[in-house]
N, C-alpha and C. Protein backbone atom coordinates (compact mmCIF):
# COMPACT_ATOMS: atom_id res chain seq x y z
N UNK A 1 32.68 26.42 -26.44
CA UNK A 1 33.85 25.70 -26.94
C UNK A 1 33.64 24.20 -26.79
N UNK A 2 34.10 23.42 -27.76
CA UNK A 2 33.99 21.98 -27.67
C UNK A 2 34.84 21.45 -26.53
N UNK A 3 34.34 20.41 -25.84
CA UNK A 3 35.07 19.83 -24.72
C UNK A 3 35.98 18.69 -25.15
N UNK A 4 35.91 18.27 -26.41
CA UNK A 4 36.75 17.17 -26.87
C UNK A 4 38.15 17.66 -27.19
N UNK A 5 39.11 16.76 -27.08
CA UNK A 5 40.51 17.10 -27.33
C UNK A 5 41.18 15.96 -28.10
N UNK A 6 42.44 16.18 -28.46
CA UNK A 6 43.24 15.12 -29.06
C UNK A 6 42.67 14.50 -30.31
N UNK A 7 42.81 13.17 -30.41
CA UNK A 7 42.38 12.45 -31.61
C UNK A 7 40.89 12.59 -31.87
N UNK A 8 40.10 12.69 -30.80
CA UNK A 8 38.64 12.83 -30.97
C UNK A 8 38.31 14.19 -31.60
N UNK A 9 39.01 15.22 -31.18
CA UNK A 9 38.80 16.56 -31.74
C UNK A 9 39.18 16.57 -33.23
N UNK A 10 40.31 15.99 -33.57
CA UNK A 10 40.73 15.95 -34.97
C UNK A 10 39.69 15.19 -35.80
N UNK A 11 39.15 14.12 -35.23
CA UNK A 11 38.12 13.34 -35.93
C UNK A 11 36.88 14.17 -36.20
N UNK A 12 36.46 14.98 -35.23
CA UNK A 12 35.27 15.82 -35.41
C UNK A 12 35.50 16.87 -36.50
N UNK A 13 36.69 17.43 -36.53
CA UNK A 13 37.03 18.39 -37.58
C UNK A 13 36.99 17.71 -38.94
N UNK A 14 37.58 16.53 -39.03
CA UNK A 14 37.60 15.79 -40.29
C UNK A 14 36.18 15.45 -40.74
N UNK A 15 35.34 15.03 -39.82
CA UNK A 15 33.95 14.69 -40.16
C UNK A 15 33.23 15.90 -40.74
N UNK A 16 33.47 17.05 -40.14
CA UNK A 16 32.77 18.26 -40.61
C UNK A 16 33.23 18.64 -42.01
N UNK A 17 34.52 18.54 -42.26
CA UNK A 17 35.05 18.90 -43.58
C UNK A 17 34.57 17.92 -44.65
N UNK A 18 34.70 16.62 -44.37
CA UNK A 18 34.34 15.61 -45.37
C UNK A 18 32.84 15.61 -45.63
N UNK A 19 32.02 15.79 -44.59
CA UNK A 19 30.57 15.87 -44.79
C UNK A 19 30.21 17.05 -45.69
N UNK A 20 30.86 18.20 -45.47
CA UNK A 20 30.61 19.37 -46.31
C UNK A 20 31.05 19.11 -47.75
N UNK A 21 32.16 18.40 -47.91
CA UNK A 21 32.64 18.06 -49.25
C UNK A 21 31.63 17.17 -49.99
N UNK A 22 31.10 16.18 -49.29
CA UNK A 22 30.13 15.28 -49.91
C UNK A 22 28.88 16.04 -50.34
N UNK A 23 28.41 16.94 -49.51
CA UNK A 23 27.23 17.74 -49.85
C UNK A 23 27.50 18.58 -51.09
N UNK A 24 28.68 19.18 -51.14
CA UNK A 24 29.02 20.03 -52.28
C UNK A 24 29.19 19.20 -53.56
N UNK A 25 29.56 17.94 -53.39
CA UNK A 25 29.74 17.06 -54.54
C UNK A 25 28.42 16.48 -55.04
N UNK A 26 27.31 16.82 -54.36
CA UNK A 26 26.01 16.39 -54.82
C UNK A 26 25.42 15.19 -54.12
N UNK A 27 26.07 14.71 -53.06
CA UNK A 27 25.52 13.60 -52.30
C UNK A 27 24.36 14.10 -51.45
N UNK A 28 23.32 13.27 -51.29
CA UNK A 28 22.14 13.68 -50.54
C UNK A 28 22.10 13.08 -49.15
N UNK A 29 21.33 13.72 -48.27
CA UNK A 29 21.11 13.24 -46.91
C UNK A 29 22.41 12.83 -46.21
N UNK A 30 23.41 13.70 -46.29
CA UNK A 30 24.71 13.42 -45.66
C UNK A 30 24.58 13.67 -44.17
N UNK A 31 24.93 12.67 -43.37
CA UNK A 31 24.83 12.81 -41.91
C UNK A 31 26.02 12.17 -41.23
N UNK A 32 26.56 12.86 -40.22
CA UNK A 32 27.54 12.27 -39.32
C UNK A 32 26.75 11.50 -38.27
N UNK A 33 27.10 10.23 -38.04
CA UNK A 33 26.33 9.38 -37.14
C UNK A 33 27.18 8.96 -35.95
N UNK A 34 26.52 8.61 -34.85
CA UNK A 34 27.19 8.15 -33.64
C UNK A 34 26.43 6.97 -33.05
N UNK A 35 27.14 6.22 -32.22
CA UNK A 35 26.46 5.16 -31.47
C UNK A 35 26.16 3.89 -32.23
N UNK A 36 26.70 3.74 -33.44
CA UNK A 36 26.49 2.50 -34.18
C UNK A 36 25.08 2.30 -34.69
N UNK A 37 24.30 3.38 -34.82
CA UNK A 37 22.90 3.25 -35.25
C UNK A 37 22.79 2.77 -36.70
N UNK A 38 23.83 2.95 -37.48
CA UNK A 38 23.79 2.52 -38.88
C UNK A 38 24.81 1.42 -39.18
N UNK A 39 25.33 0.80 -38.11
CA UNK A 39 26.30 -0.26 -38.29
C UNK A 39 27.61 0.05 -37.58
N UNK A 40 28.33 -0.99 -37.19
CA UNK A 40 29.60 -0.81 -36.50
C UNK A 40 30.62 -0.13 -37.41
N UNK A 41 31.41 0.77 -36.82
CA UNK A 41 32.48 1.40 -37.59
C UNK A 41 32.00 2.25 -38.72
N UNK A 42 30.85 2.93 -38.56
CA UNK A 42 30.32 3.83 -39.58
C UNK A 42 30.24 5.23 -38.99
N UNK A 43 30.80 6.21 -39.70
CA UNK A 43 30.84 7.59 -39.20
C UNK A 43 29.98 8.55 -39.99
N UNK A 44 29.80 8.30 -41.29
CA UNK A 44 29.02 9.18 -42.16
C UNK A 44 28.16 8.32 -43.07
N UNK A 45 26.92 8.75 -43.27
CA UNK A 45 26.03 8.08 -44.23
C UNK A 45 25.58 9.10 -45.26
N UNK A 46 25.20 8.63 -46.45
CA UNK A 46 24.77 9.52 -47.52
C UNK A 46 23.90 8.74 -48.50
N UNK A 47 23.29 9.46 -49.41
CA UNK A 47 22.52 8.85 -50.50
C UNK A 47 23.01 9.43 -51.82
N UNK A 48 23.21 8.56 -52.80
CA UNK A 48 23.58 9.01 -54.14
C UNK A 48 22.98 8.04 -55.15
N UNK A 49 22.31 8.58 -56.16
CA UNK A 49 21.66 7.78 -57.21
C UNK A 49 20.74 6.71 -56.62
N UNK A 50 20.05 7.09 -55.54
CA UNK A 50 19.12 6.18 -54.92
C UNK A 50 19.74 5.11 -54.04
N UNK A 51 21.05 5.15 -53.90
CA UNK A 51 21.75 4.13 -53.10
C UNK A 51 22.25 4.75 -51.80
N UNK A 52 22.10 4.00 -50.71
CA UNK A 52 22.58 4.44 -49.42
C UNK A 52 24.03 4.01 -49.24
N UNK A 53 24.89 4.93 -48.85
CA UNK A 53 26.29 4.62 -48.65
C UNK A 53 26.71 4.86 -47.21
N UNK A 54 27.70 4.09 -46.75
CA UNK A 54 28.20 4.21 -45.39
C UNK A 54 29.72 4.33 -45.41
N UNK A 55 30.22 5.28 -44.64
CA UNK A 55 31.65 5.61 -44.65
C UNK A 55 32.25 5.45 -43.26
N UNK A 56 33.42 4.82 -43.19
CA UNK A 56 34.27 4.90 -42.01
C UNK A 56 35.31 5.98 -42.32
N UNK A 57 35.38 7.00 -41.46
CA UNK A 57 36.31 8.10 -41.68
C UNK A 57 37.45 8.01 -40.68
N UNK A 58 38.69 7.96 -41.17
CA UNK A 58 39.87 7.95 -40.32
C UNK A 58 40.66 9.22 -40.58
N UNK A 59 40.84 10.04 -39.55
CA UNK A 59 41.64 11.26 -39.70
C UNK A 59 43.07 11.00 -39.27
N UNK A 60 44.01 11.70 -39.88
CA UNK A 60 45.43 11.47 -39.62
C UNK A 60 46.19 12.77 -39.84
N UNK A 61 46.84 13.27 -38.79
CA UNK A 61 47.56 14.54 -38.88
C UNK A 61 49.02 14.37 -39.28
N UNK A 62 49.46 13.13 -39.55
CA UNK A 62 50.84 12.90 -39.96
C UNK A 62 51.00 13.16 -41.46
N UNK A 63 50.92 14.46 -41.80
CA UNK A 63 50.95 14.84 -43.20
C UNK A 63 51.66 16.18 -43.41
N UNK A 64 52.30 16.70 -42.37
CA UNK A 64 52.94 18.01 -42.44
C UNK A 64 54.30 17.98 -43.12
N UNK A 65 54.67 19.11 -43.71
CA UNK A 65 55.94 19.20 -44.43
C UNK A 65 56.85 20.33 -43.95
N UNK A 66 56.37 21.17 -43.03
CA UNK A 66 57.16 22.30 -42.54
C UNK A 66 57.85 21.89 -41.24
N UNK A 67 59.18 21.75 -41.22
CA UNK A 67 59.90 21.30 -40.02
C UNK A 67 59.67 22.20 -38.80
N UNK A 68 59.56 23.50 -39.02
CA UNK A 68 59.36 24.42 -37.90
C UNK A 68 58.01 24.16 -37.23
N UNK A 69 56.99 23.90 -38.03
CA UNK A 69 55.67 23.64 -37.46
C UNK A 69 55.59 22.25 -36.83
N UNK A 70 56.30 21.31 -37.40
CA UNK A 70 56.36 19.97 -36.82
C UNK A 70 56.94 20.03 -35.41
N UNK A 71 57.94 20.87 -35.20
CA UNK A 71 58.62 20.96 -33.91
C UNK A 71 57.92 21.89 -32.92
N UNK A 72 56.91 22.61 -33.37
CA UNK A 72 56.17 23.53 -32.49
C UNK A 72 55.22 22.73 -31.60
N UNK A 73 55.47 22.72 -30.31
CA UNK A 73 54.68 21.92 -29.37
C UNK A 73 53.22 22.36 -29.30
N UNK A 74 52.94 23.60 -29.68
CA UNK A 74 51.56 24.09 -29.65
C UNK A 74 50.71 23.54 -30.79
N UNK A 75 51.36 23.06 -31.83
CA UNK A 75 50.64 22.58 -33.02
C UNK A 75 50.52 21.06 -32.95
N UNK A 76 49.60 20.58 -32.13
CA UNK A 76 49.49 19.14 -31.88
C UNK A 76 48.93 18.38 -33.09
N UNK A 77 48.28 19.10 -34.01
CA UNK A 77 47.73 18.45 -35.20
C UNK A 77 48.57 18.75 -36.45
N UNK A 78 49.86 18.97 -36.22
CA UNK A 78 50.78 19.18 -37.34
C UNK A 78 51.97 18.25 -37.13
N UNK A 79 51.86 17.04 -37.64
CA UNK A 79 52.88 16.02 -37.47
C UNK A 79 53.57 15.77 -38.80
N UNK A 80 54.79 15.22 -38.80
CA UNK A 80 55.51 15.00 -40.06
C UNK A 80 54.86 13.92 -40.91
N UNK A 81 54.90 14.10 -42.22
CA UNK A 81 54.34 13.11 -43.12
C UNK A 81 55.12 11.81 -42.99
N UNK A 82 54.45 10.78 -42.45
CA UNK A 82 55.12 9.50 -42.19
C UNK A 82 54.94 8.50 -43.32
N UNK A 83 54.09 8.83 -44.29
CA UNK A 83 53.95 7.97 -45.46
C UNK A 83 53.24 6.65 -45.21
N UNK A 84 52.39 6.59 -44.16
CA UNK A 84 51.71 5.34 -43.88
C UNK A 84 50.24 5.55 -43.54
N UNK A 85 49.50 4.45 -43.59
CA UNK A 85 48.14 4.40 -43.05
C UNK A 85 48.24 3.82 -41.65
N UNK A 86 47.36 4.26 -40.75
CA UNK A 86 47.28 3.69 -39.41
C UNK A 86 45.92 3.00 -39.29
N UNK A 87 45.93 1.67 -39.23
CA UNK A 87 44.71 0.88 -39.18
C UNK A 87 44.54 0.29 -37.78
N UNK A 88 43.35 0.47 -37.21
CA UNK A 88 43.08 0.00 -35.85
C UNK A 88 42.83 -1.51 -35.83
N UNK A 89 43.66 -2.23 -35.07
CA UNK A 89 43.48 -3.68 -34.94
C UNK A 89 42.79 -4.05 -33.63
N UNK A 90 43.01 -3.28 -32.56
CA UNK A 90 42.34 -3.47 -31.28
C UNK A 90 41.81 -2.12 -30.83
N UNK A 91 40.53 -2.01 -30.56
CA UNK A 91 39.93 -0.71 -30.25
C UNK A 91 40.07 -0.31 -28.80
N UNK A 92 40.23 -1.30 -27.91
CA UNK A 92 40.37 -1.00 -26.48
C UNK A 92 41.34 -2.00 -25.87
N UNK A 93 42.45 -1.50 -25.36
CA UNK A 93 43.49 -2.36 -24.83
C UNK A 93 43.01 -3.18 -23.64
N UNK A 94 42.04 -2.67 -22.88
CA UNK A 94 41.56 -3.36 -21.69
C UNK A 94 40.59 -4.49 -22.05
N UNK A 95 39.67 -4.23 -22.96
CA UNK A 95 38.66 -5.24 -23.31
C UNK A 95 39.09 -6.14 -24.46
N UNK A 96 40.15 -5.71 -25.18
CA UNK A 96 40.66 -6.43 -26.35
C UNK A 96 39.63 -6.53 -27.47
N UNK A 97 38.71 -5.59 -27.51
CA UNK A 97 37.71 -5.57 -28.57
C UNK A 97 38.39 -5.33 -29.92
N UNK A 98 38.02 -6.09 -30.96
CA UNK A 98 38.64 -5.89 -32.28
C UNK A 98 38.43 -4.46 -32.78
N UNK A 99 39.41 -3.95 -33.50
CA UNK A 99 39.34 -2.60 -34.03
C UNK A 99 38.44 -2.49 -35.25
N UNK A 100 38.22 -1.24 -35.67
CA UNK A 100 37.31 -1.01 -36.80
C UNK A 100 37.81 -1.63 -38.10
N UNK A 101 39.11 -1.89 -38.18
CA UNK A 101 39.59 -2.50 -39.42
C UNK A 101 39.07 -3.92 -39.59
N UNK A 102 38.68 -4.55 -38.49
CA UNK A 102 38.10 -5.89 -38.56
C UNK A 102 36.58 -5.87 -38.61
N UNK A 103 35.94 -4.95 -37.86
CA UNK A 103 34.49 -5.07 -37.70
C UNK A 103 33.66 -3.96 -38.36
N UNK A 104 34.29 -3.02 -39.04
CA UNK A 104 33.50 -1.96 -39.66
C UNK A 104 32.56 -2.50 -40.73
N UNK A 105 31.32 -2.00 -40.69
CA UNK A 105 30.32 -2.38 -41.68
C UNK A 105 30.17 -1.33 -42.77
N UNK A 106 31.11 -0.39 -42.82
CA UNK A 106 31.06 0.66 -43.83
C UNK A 106 31.35 0.09 -45.22
N UNK A 107 30.90 0.81 -46.23
CA UNK A 107 31.18 0.41 -47.61
C UNK A 107 32.59 0.84 -48.04
N UNK A 108 32.99 2.02 -47.55
CA UNK A 108 34.29 2.57 -47.93
C UNK A 108 35.00 3.14 -46.71
N UNK A 109 36.31 3.08 -46.75
CA UNK A 109 37.15 3.76 -45.77
C UNK A 109 37.63 5.06 -46.39
N UNK A 110 37.25 6.17 -45.78
CA UNK A 110 37.75 7.48 -46.20
C UNK A 110 38.90 7.83 -45.26
N UNK A 111 40.10 7.70 -45.78
CA UNK A 111 41.28 8.01 -44.97
C UNK A 111 41.70 9.43 -45.28
N UNK A 112 41.56 10.30 -44.28
CA UNK A 112 41.72 11.74 -44.52
C UNK A 112 42.92 12.30 -43.76
N UNK A 113 43.94 12.65 -44.52
CA UNK A 113 45.12 13.32 -43.95
C UNK A 113 44.86 14.82 -43.91
N UNK A 114 45.12 15.43 -42.75
CA UNK A 114 45.04 16.89 -42.68
C UNK A 114 45.94 17.40 -41.56
N UNK A 115 46.62 18.50 -41.86
CA UNK A 115 47.47 19.16 -40.88
C UNK A 115 46.87 20.53 -40.57
N UNK A 116 46.75 20.81 -39.27
CA UNK A 116 46.18 22.07 -38.80
C UNK A 116 47.27 22.91 -38.15
N UNK A 117 47.48 24.10 -38.68
CA UNK A 117 48.56 24.95 -38.18
C UNK A 117 48.04 25.99 -37.18
N UNK A 118 47.32 25.51 -36.15
CA UNK A 118 46.88 26.37 -35.07
C UNK A 118 46.74 25.53 -33.81
N UNK A 119 46.84 26.15 -32.63
CA UNK A 119 46.78 25.40 -31.37
C UNK A 119 45.46 24.66 -31.17
N UNK A 120 45.52 23.64 -30.35
CA UNK A 120 44.36 22.79 -30.10
C UNK A 120 43.17 23.56 -29.55
N UNK A 121 43.42 24.53 -28.64
CA UNK A 121 42.29 25.26 -28.05
C UNK A 121 41.57 26.11 -29.10
N UNK A 122 42.30 26.62 -30.08
CA UNK A 122 41.66 27.38 -31.16
C UNK A 122 40.81 26.46 -32.04
N UNK A 123 41.33 25.28 -32.30
CA UNK A 123 40.58 24.31 -33.10
C UNK A 123 39.29 23.93 -32.38
N UNK A 124 39.39 23.67 -31.07
CA UNK A 124 38.21 23.30 -30.28
C UNK A 124 37.17 24.41 -30.29
N UNK A 125 37.62 25.66 -30.18
CA UNK A 125 36.69 26.79 -30.18
C UNK A 125 35.97 26.91 -31.52
N UNK A 126 36.68 26.68 -32.61
CA UNK A 126 36.08 26.81 -33.94
C UNK A 126 35.06 25.72 -34.22
N UNK A 127 35.20 24.58 -33.58
CA UNK A 127 34.28 23.48 -33.83
C UNK A 127 32.85 23.84 -33.45
N UNK A 128 32.69 24.79 -32.54
CA UNK A 128 31.35 25.21 -32.11
C UNK A 128 30.78 26.34 -32.96
N UNK A 129 31.56 26.85 -33.88
CA UNK A 129 31.15 27.99 -34.70
C UNK A 129 30.33 27.53 -35.91
N UNK A 130 29.50 28.42 -36.47
CA UNK A 130 28.77 28.08 -37.70
C UNK A 130 29.73 27.88 -38.87
N UNK A 131 29.24 27.27 -39.93
CA UNK A 131 30.09 26.91 -41.06
C UNK A 131 30.88 28.08 -41.63
N UNK A 132 30.24 29.25 -41.77
CA UNK A 132 30.95 30.37 -42.40
C UNK A 132 32.16 30.79 -41.59
N UNK A 133 32.10 30.63 -40.27
CA UNK A 133 33.24 30.96 -39.41
C UNK A 133 34.23 29.80 -39.40
N UNK A 134 33.73 28.60 -39.20
CA UNK A 134 34.59 27.42 -39.12
C UNK A 134 35.47 27.29 -40.37
N UNK A 135 34.85 27.34 -41.55
CA UNK A 135 35.60 27.10 -42.78
C UNK A 135 36.49 28.28 -43.19
N UNK A 136 36.21 29.45 -42.68
CA UNK A 136 37.07 30.59 -43.01
C UNK A 136 38.25 30.73 -42.06
N UNK A 137 38.13 30.15 -40.85
CA UNK A 137 39.18 30.36 -39.85
C UNK A 137 39.98 29.12 -39.48
N UNK A 138 39.47 27.95 -39.79
CA UNK A 138 40.26 26.75 -39.51
C UNK A 138 41.45 26.72 -40.47
N UNK A 139 42.64 26.48 -39.94
CA UNK A 139 43.86 26.58 -40.74
C UNK A 139 44.34 25.20 -41.19
N UNK A 140 43.72 24.71 -42.24
CA UNK A 140 44.14 23.45 -42.84
C UNK A 140 45.25 23.77 -43.84
N UNK A 141 46.47 23.43 -43.47
CA UNK A 141 47.59 23.77 -44.35
C UNK A 141 47.75 22.77 -45.49
N UNK A 142 47.44 21.50 -45.19
CA UNK A 142 47.61 20.46 -46.20
C UNK A 142 46.62 19.34 -45.91
N UNK A 143 45.95 18.84 -46.93
CA UNK A 143 45.02 17.73 -46.72
C UNK A 143 44.94 16.87 -47.97
N UNK A 144 44.53 15.64 -47.79
CA UNK A 144 44.34 14.71 -48.92
C UNK A 144 43.42 13.60 -48.48
N UNK A 145 42.40 13.33 -49.31
CA UNK A 145 41.45 12.26 -49.03
C UNK A 145 41.77 11.05 -49.90
N UNK A 146 41.94 9.91 -49.25
CA UNK A 146 42.14 8.63 -49.93
C UNK A 146 40.90 7.78 -49.67
N UNK A 147 40.37 7.13 -50.70
CA UNK A 147 39.19 6.28 -50.54
C UNK A 147 39.57 4.83 -50.84
N UNK A 148 39.30 3.95 -49.88
CA UNK A 148 39.61 2.54 -50.02
C UNK A 148 38.33 1.72 -49.87
N UNK A 149 38.03 0.81 -50.79
CA UNK A 149 36.86 -0.05 -50.63
C UNK A 149 37.04 -0.91 -49.37
N UNK A 150 36.09 -0.85 -48.45
CA UNK A 150 36.29 -1.46 -47.14
C UNK A 150 36.45 -2.97 -47.18
N UNK A 151 35.58 -3.68 -47.93
CA UNK A 151 35.67 -5.15 -47.90
C UNK A 151 37.03 -5.63 -48.42
N UNK A 152 37.49 -5.05 -49.51
CA UNK A 152 38.78 -5.47 -50.07
C UNK A 152 39.93 -5.12 -49.13
N UNK A 153 39.83 -3.97 -48.47
CA UNK A 153 40.89 -3.55 -47.55
C UNK A 153 40.90 -4.44 -46.31
N UNK A 154 39.72 -4.77 -45.80
CA UNK A 154 39.65 -5.67 -44.64
C UNK A 154 40.24 -7.04 -44.97
N UNK A 155 39.91 -7.56 -46.14
CA UNK A 155 40.43 -8.87 -46.55
C UNK A 155 41.94 -8.85 -46.62
N UNK A 156 42.50 -7.77 -47.20
CA UNK A 156 43.96 -7.65 -47.28
C UNK A 156 44.56 -7.53 -45.89
N UNK A 157 43.94 -6.72 -45.03
CA UNK A 157 44.46 -6.49 -43.68
C UNK A 157 44.45 -7.77 -42.86
N UNK A 158 43.38 -8.54 -42.93
CA UNK A 158 43.30 -9.79 -42.18
C UNK A 158 44.42 -10.75 -42.59
N UNK A 159 44.82 -10.70 -43.84
CA UNK A 159 45.86 -11.60 -44.33
C UNK A 159 47.27 -11.11 -44.02
N UNK A 160 47.43 -9.80 -43.78
CA UNK A 160 48.78 -9.24 -43.69
C UNK A 160 49.09 -8.46 -42.41
N UNK A 161 48.10 -8.21 -41.53
CA UNK A 161 48.36 -7.28 -40.42
C UNK A 161 49.48 -7.75 -39.50
N UNK A 162 49.68 -9.05 -39.36
CA UNK A 162 50.73 -9.53 -38.47
C UNK A 162 52.13 -9.25 -39.00
N UNK A 163 52.22 -8.81 -40.24
CA UNK A 163 53.53 -8.45 -40.82
C UNK A 163 54.00 -7.09 -40.34
N UNK A 164 53.12 -6.35 -39.65
CA UNK A 164 53.44 -4.98 -39.25
C UNK A 164 53.40 -4.84 -37.72
N UNK A 165 54.31 -4.04 -37.19
CA UNK A 165 54.45 -3.89 -35.74
C UNK A 165 53.27 -3.13 -35.14
N UNK A 166 52.66 -3.64 -34.06
CA UNK A 166 51.56 -2.92 -33.41
C UNK A 166 52.07 -1.70 -32.65
N UNK A 167 51.28 -0.63 -32.65
CA UNK A 167 51.63 0.60 -31.95
C UNK A 167 50.45 1.06 -31.10
N UNK A 168 50.70 1.44 -29.82
CA UNK A 168 49.59 1.94 -28.98
C UNK A 168 49.26 3.39 -29.32
N UNK A 169 47.97 3.72 -29.28
CA UNK A 169 47.49 5.08 -29.55
C UNK A 169 46.43 5.43 -28.52
N UNK A 170 46.53 6.61 -27.91
CA UNK A 170 45.52 7.04 -26.96
C UNK A 170 44.32 7.60 -27.71
N UNK A 171 43.15 7.06 -27.42
CA UNK A 171 41.90 7.50 -28.04
C UNK A 171 40.91 7.82 -26.92
N UNK A 172 40.69 9.11 -26.68
CA UNK A 172 39.81 9.49 -25.58
C UNK A 172 40.41 9.08 -24.25
N UNK A 173 39.70 8.22 -23.51
CA UNK A 173 40.13 7.79 -22.19
C UNK A 173 40.78 6.40 -22.18
N UNK A 174 41.02 5.84 -23.35
CA UNK A 174 41.61 4.50 -23.37
C UNK A 174 42.68 4.40 -24.45
N UNK A 175 43.36 3.26 -24.49
CA UNK A 175 44.38 3.02 -25.50
C UNK A 175 43.88 2.01 -26.53
N UNK A 176 44.22 2.25 -27.77
CA UNK A 176 43.93 1.31 -28.85
C UNK A 176 45.26 0.88 -29.47
N UNK A 177 45.21 -0.15 -30.29
CA UNK A 177 46.41 -0.62 -30.98
C UNK A 177 46.21 -0.51 -32.49
N UNK A 178 47.21 0.05 -33.14
CA UNK A 178 47.17 0.26 -34.58
C UNK A 178 48.34 -0.45 -35.25
N UNK A 179 48.18 -0.72 -36.51
CA UNK A 179 49.28 -1.20 -37.36
C UNK A 179 49.57 -0.11 -38.37
N UNK A 180 50.83 0.29 -38.46
CA UNK A 180 51.25 1.33 -39.40
C UNK A 180 51.73 0.66 -40.68
N UNK A 181 51.04 0.96 -41.78
CA UNK A 181 51.29 0.28 -43.04
C UNK A 181 51.66 1.30 -44.11
N UNK A 182 52.82 1.16 -44.75
CA UNK A 182 53.21 2.11 -45.81
C UNK A 182 52.11 2.26 -46.86
N UNK A 183 51.88 3.50 -47.28
CA UNK A 183 50.83 3.74 -48.27
C UNK A 183 51.04 2.92 -49.53
N UNK A 184 52.28 2.75 -49.93
CA UNK A 184 52.56 2.02 -51.17
C UNK A 184 52.16 0.55 -51.06
N UNK A 185 52.21 -0.01 -49.84
CA UNK A 185 51.82 -1.42 -49.66
C UNK A 185 50.33 -1.60 -49.92
N UNK A 186 49.53 -0.62 -49.51
CA UNK A 186 48.08 -0.69 -49.69
C UNK A 186 47.68 -0.33 -51.11
N UNK A 187 48.19 0.78 -51.60
CA UNK A 187 47.75 1.31 -52.88
C UNK A 187 48.12 0.39 -54.04
N UNK A 188 49.14 -0.43 -53.85
CA UNK A 188 49.51 -1.36 -54.91
C UNK A 188 48.81 -2.69 -54.80
N UNK A 189 47.99 -2.85 -53.74
CA UNK A 189 47.37 -4.14 -53.48
C UNK A 189 45.85 -4.13 -53.52
N UNK A 190 45.22 -2.96 -53.31
CA UNK A 190 43.78 -2.89 -53.20
C UNK A 190 43.17 -2.32 -54.49
N UNK A 191 42.48 -3.16 -55.23
CA UNK A 191 41.81 -2.70 -56.44
C UNK A 191 40.67 -1.76 -56.06
N UNK A 192 40.60 -0.62 -56.74
CA UNK A 192 39.55 0.35 -56.46
C UNK A 192 39.98 1.46 -55.52
N UNK A 193 41.19 1.36 -54.94
CA UNK A 193 41.70 2.44 -54.10
C UNK A 193 41.94 3.66 -54.97
N UNK A 194 41.55 4.83 -54.46
CA UNK A 194 41.75 6.03 -55.27
C UNK A 194 42.07 7.24 -54.39
N UNK A 195 42.81 8.16 -54.98
CA UNK A 195 43.19 9.40 -54.32
C UNK A 195 42.32 10.54 -54.83
N UNK A 196 41.58 11.16 -53.95
CA UNK A 196 40.77 12.33 -54.30
C UNK A 196 41.62 13.59 -54.24
N UNK A 197 42.54 13.64 -53.27
CA UNK A 197 43.38 14.82 -53.08
C UNK A 197 42.75 15.78 -52.08
N UNK A 198 43.10 17.05 -52.18
CA UNK A 198 42.59 18.04 -51.24
C UNK A 198 41.09 18.25 -51.42
N UNK A 199 40.35 18.20 -50.30
CA UNK A 199 38.92 18.50 -50.36
C UNK A 199 38.60 19.78 -49.61
N UNK A 200 39.49 20.22 -48.74
CA UNK A 200 39.19 21.43 -47.95
C UNK A 200 39.06 22.64 -48.83
N UNK A 201 39.91 22.77 -49.84
CA UNK A 201 39.84 23.95 -50.71
C UNK A 201 38.50 24.03 -51.44
N UNK A 202 37.87 22.86 -51.63
CA UNK A 202 36.56 22.83 -52.29
C UNK A 202 35.48 23.42 -51.40
N UNK A 203 35.50 23.08 -50.12
CA UNK A 203 34.44 23.55 -49.22
C UNK A 203 34.73 24.93 -48.63
N UNK A 204 36.00 25.33 -48.66
CA UNK A 204 36.36 26.63 -48.08
C UNK A 204 36.25 27.77 -49.09
N UNK A 205 36.07 27.44 -50.35
CA UNK A 205 36.03 28.48 -51.39
C UNK A 205 34.64 29.14 -51.47
């Protein structure tokens, strides 16, 4: 069973789903990366048409629509759809290191909403399973992938982030600070932003 929990566990699930989606879409050499080996704030790399691409992947479970599941304390990855993006402005409250929204070297931000209708321990157990088990048993009730060009989004965020209230978020063993920004504020301002929609049904079929 995976030892990760909380936001880190949700991120690992999202990475596995999105990486599988990219492979199925024909992208080559798709890899989940760690440790900044391919640049700060980069989670997935790929090749398409001879070009190397780098992705920052942000997972977000605030996409649920069933009130009963939202109120179920066992379903920690099933939160109500809040209609916003959560962008990291400070990555560590103690060191005050800038968040990935300022320093990511990725080409695109893949913002992935997904709600999981099963307890955290079940999700953690499935993360260690092979793909045929993981994709058949993980209960993704609702998901949607939004793609934002990183440079344009960073430029907009640097100009506007102080307009939005900072919120603390626990990430692993430390706290980070995020700005919650209505989706409509971003989608109407960033040229090239696009909605892919559900990708889980593509890889689970």
